[in-house]
Amino acid sequence: MDLAEIDAMEGDPVMEDESKVRLNQVVLRLKSRFTYTYDFGDSWLHDITLERILPPDPALSYPRCIDGRRSAPPEDCGGPPGYENYLKAIADPKHPEHEEMLDWSGAFDPEAFSTEEVNRSLTGKRGRSGR
């Protein structure tokens, strides 16, 4: 059992600054699970499980996305409850916030996903260590 699991069992989750810690320092073995919080104000919680470790391919750049689904929510939409309201508003032309939400975000397809687009956005995000 690693330190994070012990602390989690005791009710005190371990918090790490993702800009200062490499993933392999936190996730120590296959099937390790952890929660990543994106935007503490909006509280986007991501439950992550390390399923497998593949050898790096020198022909590819990292980090890279290999699969996914659905579009990322617009920034600052108010976390999960705000995003739910946003989706209702843009889907219903009679919703009182429909026009305001479309003006704010522009065209948005919540079902769209492109690994190529995600990987383009990841270019240059190798972290401070450069490894």
C-alpha atoms as a PDB file:
ATOM      1  CA  MET A   1       0.000   0.000   0.000  1.00  0.00           C
ATOM      2  CA  ASP A   2       1.426   3.396  -0.927  1.00  0.00           C
ATOM      3  CA  LEU A   3       1.363   6.635   1.071  1.00  0.00           C
ATOM      4  CA  ALA A   4      -1.541   8.089  -0.929  1.00  0.00           C
ATOM      5  CA  GLU A   5      -3.702   5.048  -0.201  1.00  0.00           C
ATOM      6  CA  ILE A   6      -2.880   5.175   3.512  1.00  0.00           C
ATOM      7  CA  ASP A   7      -3.666   8.890   3.723  1.00  0.00           C
ATOM      8  CA  ALA A   8      -6.895   8.393   1.740  1.00  0.00           C
ATOM      9  CA  MET A   9      -7.952   5.619   4.141  1.00  0.00           C
ATOM     10  CA  GLU A  10      -7.375   8.012   7.025  1.00  0.00           C
ATOM     11  CA  GLY A  11      -9.526  10.640   5.318  1.00  0.00           C
ATOM     12  CA  ASP A  12      -6.710  12.990   4.319  1.00  0.00           C
ATOM     13  CA  PRO A  13      -6.166  12.904   0.554  1.00  0.00           C
ATOM     14  CA  VAL A  14      -2.670  13.725  -0.606  1.00  0.00           C
ATOM     15  CA  MET A  15      -2.595  16.914  -2.674  1.00  0.00           C
ATOM     16  CA  GLU A  16       0.216  17.438  -5.183  1.00  0.00           C
ATOM     17  CA  ASP A  17       0.957  20.384  -7.484  1.00  0.00           C
ATOM     18  CA  GLU A  18       0.816  18.755 -10.916  1.00  0.00           C
ATOM     19  CA  SER A  19       3.394  21.202 -12.278  1.00  0.00           C
ATOM     20  CA  LYS A  20       5.991  19.929  -9.786  1.00  0.00           C
ATOM     21  CA  VAL A  21       5.339  16.184  -9.707  1.00  0.00           C
ATOM     22  CA  ARG A  22       5.699  13.628 -12.472  1.00  0.00           C
ATOM     23  CA  LEU A  23       2.862  11.151 -12.838  1.00  0.00           C
ATOM     24  CA  ASN A  24       5.169   8.191 -12.213  1.00  0.00           C
ATOM     25  CA  GLN A  25       5.988   9.666  -8.779  1.00  0.00           C
ATOM     26  CA  VAL A  26       2.331   9.502  -7.751  1.00  0.00           C
ATOM     27  CA  VAL A  27       0.983   6.487  -9.593  1.00  0.00           C
ATOM     28  CA  LEU A  28       3.204   3.634  -8.513  1.00  0.00           C
ATOM     29  CA  ARG A  29       1.651   0.502  -9.989  1.00  0.00           C
ATOM     30  CA  LEU A  30      -0.940  -0.825 -12.402  1.00  0.00           C
ATOM     31  CA  LYS A  31      -4.546  -0.415 -11.316  1.00  0.00           C
ATOM     32  CA  SER A  32      -3.556   2.549  -9.102  1.00  0.00           C
ATOM     33  CA  ARG A  33      -6.438   5.005  -8.837  1.00  0.00           C
ATOM     34  CA  PHE A  34      -6.454   8.695  -8.041  1.00  0.00           C
ATOM     35  CA  THR A  35      -8.621  11.774  -8.439  1.00  0.00           C
ATOM     36  CA  TYR A  36      -7.438  14.759 -10.439  1.00  0.00           C
ATOM     37  CA  THR A  37      -9.173  18.063  -9.717  1.00  0.00           C
ATOM     38  CA  TYR A  38      -9.207  20.557 -12.551  1.00  0.00           C
ATOM     39  CA  ASP A  39     -10.129  24.110 -11.568  1.00  0.00           C
ATOM     40  CA  PHE A  40     -10.651  24.047  -7.820  1.00  0.00           C
ATOM     41  CA  GLY A  41     -13.296  26.780  -8.138  1.00  0.00           C
ATOM     42  CA  ASP A  42     -15.476  24.760 -10.497  1.00  0.00           C
ATOM     43  CA  SER A  43     -14.439  21.359  -9.062  1.00  0.00           C
ATOM     44  CA  TRP A  44     -14.090  19.209 -12.142  1.00  0.00           C
ATOM     45  CA  LEU A  45     -13.167  15.840 -10.618  1.00  0.00           C
ATOM     46  CA  HIS A  46     -11.587  13.146 -12.790  1.00  0.00           C
ATOM     47  CA  ASP A  47     -11.261   9.601 -11.439  1.00  0.00           C
ATOM     48  CA  ILE A  48      -8.222   8.042 -13.106  1.00  0.00           C
ATOM     49  CA  THR A  49      -7.019   4.426 -13.125  1.00  0.00           C
ATOM     50  CA  LEU A  50      -3.643   3.382 -14.523  1.00  0.00           C
ATOM     51  CA  GLU A  51      -4.636   0.540 -16.836  1.00  0.00           C
ATOM     52  CA  ARG A  52      -1.330  -0.216 -18.521  1.00  0.00           C
ATOM     53  CA  ILE A  53       2.101   1.205 -19.304  1.00  0.00           C
ATOM     54  CA  LEU A  54       3.273   1.028 -22.893  1.00  0.00           C
ATOM     55  CA  PRO A  55       6.835   1.532 -24.093  1.00  0.00           C
ATOM     56  CA  PRO A  56       7.310   4.948 -25.707  1.00  0.00           C
ATOM     57  CA  ASP A  57       7.367   5.104 -29.491  1.00  0.00           C
ATOM     58  CA  PRO A  58      10.247   7.357 -30.611  1.00  0.00           C
ATOM     59  CA  ALA A  59       8.234   8.338 -33.701  1.00  0.00           C
ATOM     60  CA  LEU A  60       5.517   9.945 -31.539  1.00  0.00           C
ATOM     61  CA  SER A  61       5.475  13.029 -29.340  1.00  0.00           C
ATOM     62  CA  TYR A  62       4.201  12.924 -25.765  1.00  0.00           C
ATOM     63  CA  PRO A  63       1.943  13.507 -23.933  1.00  0.00           C
ATOM     64  CA  ARG A  64      -0.643  12.208 -26.352  1.00  0.00           C
ATOM     65  CA  CYS A  65      -4.294  11.268 -26.315  1.00  0.00           C
ATOM     66  CA  ILE A  66      -5.121   7.830 -27.704  1.00  0.00           C
ATOM     67  CA  ASP A  67      -8.902   7.915 -27.318  1.00  0.00           C
ATOM     68  CA  GLY A  68     -11.775   9.846 -25.822  1.00  0.00           C
ATOM     69  CA  ARG A  69     -15.309  10.979 -26.273  1.00  0.00           C
ATOM     70  CA  ARG A  70     -17.326  14.163 -26.030  1.00  0.00           C
ATOM     71  CA  SER A  71     -16.107  17.707 -26.216  1.00  0.00           C
ATOM     72  CA  ALA A  72     -14.460  19.425 -23.272  1.00  0.00           C
ATOM     73  CA  PRO A  73     -16.819  21.890 -21.598  1.00  0.00           C
ATOM     74  CA  PRO A  74     -16.155  25.580 -22.206  1.00  0.00           C
ATOM     75  CA  GLU A  75     -13.861  27.151 -19.609  1.00  0.00           C
ATOM     76  CA  ASP A  76     -15.540  28.853 -16.658  1.00  0.00           C
ATOM     77  CA  CYS A  77     -18.991  27.430 -17.342  1.00  0.00           C
ATOM     78  CA  GLY A  78     -19.586  26.845 -13.630  1.00  0.00           C
ATOM     79  CA  GLY A  79     -18.447  23.272 -13.050  1.00  0.00           C
ATOM     80  CA  PRO A  80     -20.709  20.266 -13.561  1.00  0.00           C
ATOM     81  CA  PRO A  81     -23.961  22.044 -12.522  1.00  0.00           C
ATOM     82  CA  GLY A  82     -23.173  25.064 -14.705  1.00  0.00           C
ATOM     83  CA  TYR A  83     -22.286  22.826 -17.636  1.00  0.00           C
ATOM     84  CA  GLU A  84     -25.559  20.946 -17.273  1.00  0.00           C
ATOM     85  CA  ASN A  85     -27.454  24.264 -17.374  1.00  0.00           C
ATOM     86  CA  TYR A  86     -25.343  25.399 -20.335  1.00  0.00           C
ATOM     87  CA  LEU A  87     -26.192  22.229 -22.305  1.00  0.00           C
ATOM     88  CA  LYS A  88     -29.900  22.693 -21.601  1.00  0.00           C
ATOM     89  CA  ALA A  89     -29.743  26.345 -22.661  1.00  0.00           C
ATOM     90  CA  ILE A  90     -27.945  25.787 -25.973  1.00  0.00           C
ATOM     91  CA  ALA A  91     -30.173  22.822 -26.877  1.00  0.00           C
ATOM     92  CA  ASP A  92     -33.431  24.723 -26.349  1.00  0.00           C
ATOM     93  CA  PRO A  93     -34.021  27.861 -28.441  1.00  0.00           C
ATOM     94  CA  LYS A  94     -36.835  28.800 -26.013  1.00  0.00           C
ATOM     95  CA  HIS A  95     -34.557  28.634 -22.950  1.00  0.00           C
ATOM     96  CA  PRO A  96     -34.199  32.137 -21.429  1.00  0.00           C
ATOM     97  CA  GLU A  97     -30.385  31.930 -21.627  1.00  0.00           C
ATOM     98  CA  HIS A  98     -30.141  30.317 -25.065  1.00  0.00           C
ATOM     99  CA  GLU A  99     -28.912  33.365 -27.004  1.00  0.00           C
ATOM    100  CA  GLU A 100     -26.660  34.554 -24.187  1.00  0.00           C
ATOM    101  CA  MET A 101     -24.923  31.159 -23.953  1.00  0.00           C
ATOM    102  CA  LEU A 102     -24.423  30.935 -27.725  1.00  0.00           C
ATOM    103  CA  ASP A 103     -23.024  34.483 -27.795  1.00  0.00           C
ATOM    104  CA  TRP A 104     -20.661  33.565 -24.954  1.00  0.00           C
ATOM    105  CA  SER A 105     -19.375  30.261 -26.332  1.00  0.00           C
ATOM    106  CA  GLY A 106     -20.103  30.293 -30.031  1.00  0.00           C
ATOM    107  CA  ALA A 107     -21.020  27.089 -31.820  1.00  0.00           C
ATOM    108  CA  PHE A 108     -20.547  24.058 -29.586  1.00  0.00           C
ATOM    109  CA  ASP A 109     -21.179  20.373 -30.186  1.00  0.00           C
ATOM    110  CA  PRO A 110     -20.968  18.481 -26.881  1.00  0.00           C
ATOM    111  CA  GLU A 111     -20.672  15.142 -28.743  1.00  0.00           C
ATOM    112  CA  ALA A 112     -17.705  16.169 -30.907  1.00  0.00           C
ATOM    113  CA  PHE A 113     -14.286  14.667 -30.191  1.00  0.00           C
ATOM    114  CA  SER A 114     -11.054  14.545 -32.157  1.00  0.00           C
ATOM    115  CA  THR A 115      -7.871  12.851 -30.933  1.00  0.00           C
ATOM    116  CA  GLU A 116      -5.948  14.911 -33.511  1.00  0.00           C
ATOM    117  CA  GLU A 117      -7.289  18.161 -32.092  1.00  0.00           C
ATOM    118  CA  VAL A 118      -6.521  17.114 -28.525  1.00  0.00           C
ATOM    119  CA  ASN A 119      -2.989  16.103 -29.497  1.00  0.00           C
ATOM    120  CA  ARG A 120      -2.434  19.447 -31.237  1.00  0.00           C
ATOM    121  CA  SER A 121      -3.442  21.177 -27.983  1.00  0.00           C
ATOM    122  CA  LEU A 122      -1.000  18.976 -26.034  1.00  0.00           C
ATOM    123  CA  THR A 123       1.995  19.945 -28.183  1.00  0.00           C
ATOM    124  CA  GLY A 124       4.640  21.522 -25.971  1.00  0.00           C
ATOM    125  CA  LYS A 125       3.024  20.466 -22.667  1.00  0.00           C
ATOM    126  CA  ARG A 126       5.772  18.125 -21.528  1.00  0.00           C
ATOM    127  CA  GLY A 127       6.146  19.882 -18.203  1.00  0.00           C
ATOM    128  CA  ARG A 128       8.978  21.872 -16.703  1.00  0.00           C
ATOM    129  CA  SER A 129      11.424  19.002 -16.607  1.00  0.00           C
ATOM    130  CA  GLY A 130      11.247  18.548 -20.376  1.00  0.00           C
ATOM    131  CA  ARG A 131      11.287  14.754 -19.969  1.00  0.00           C
END
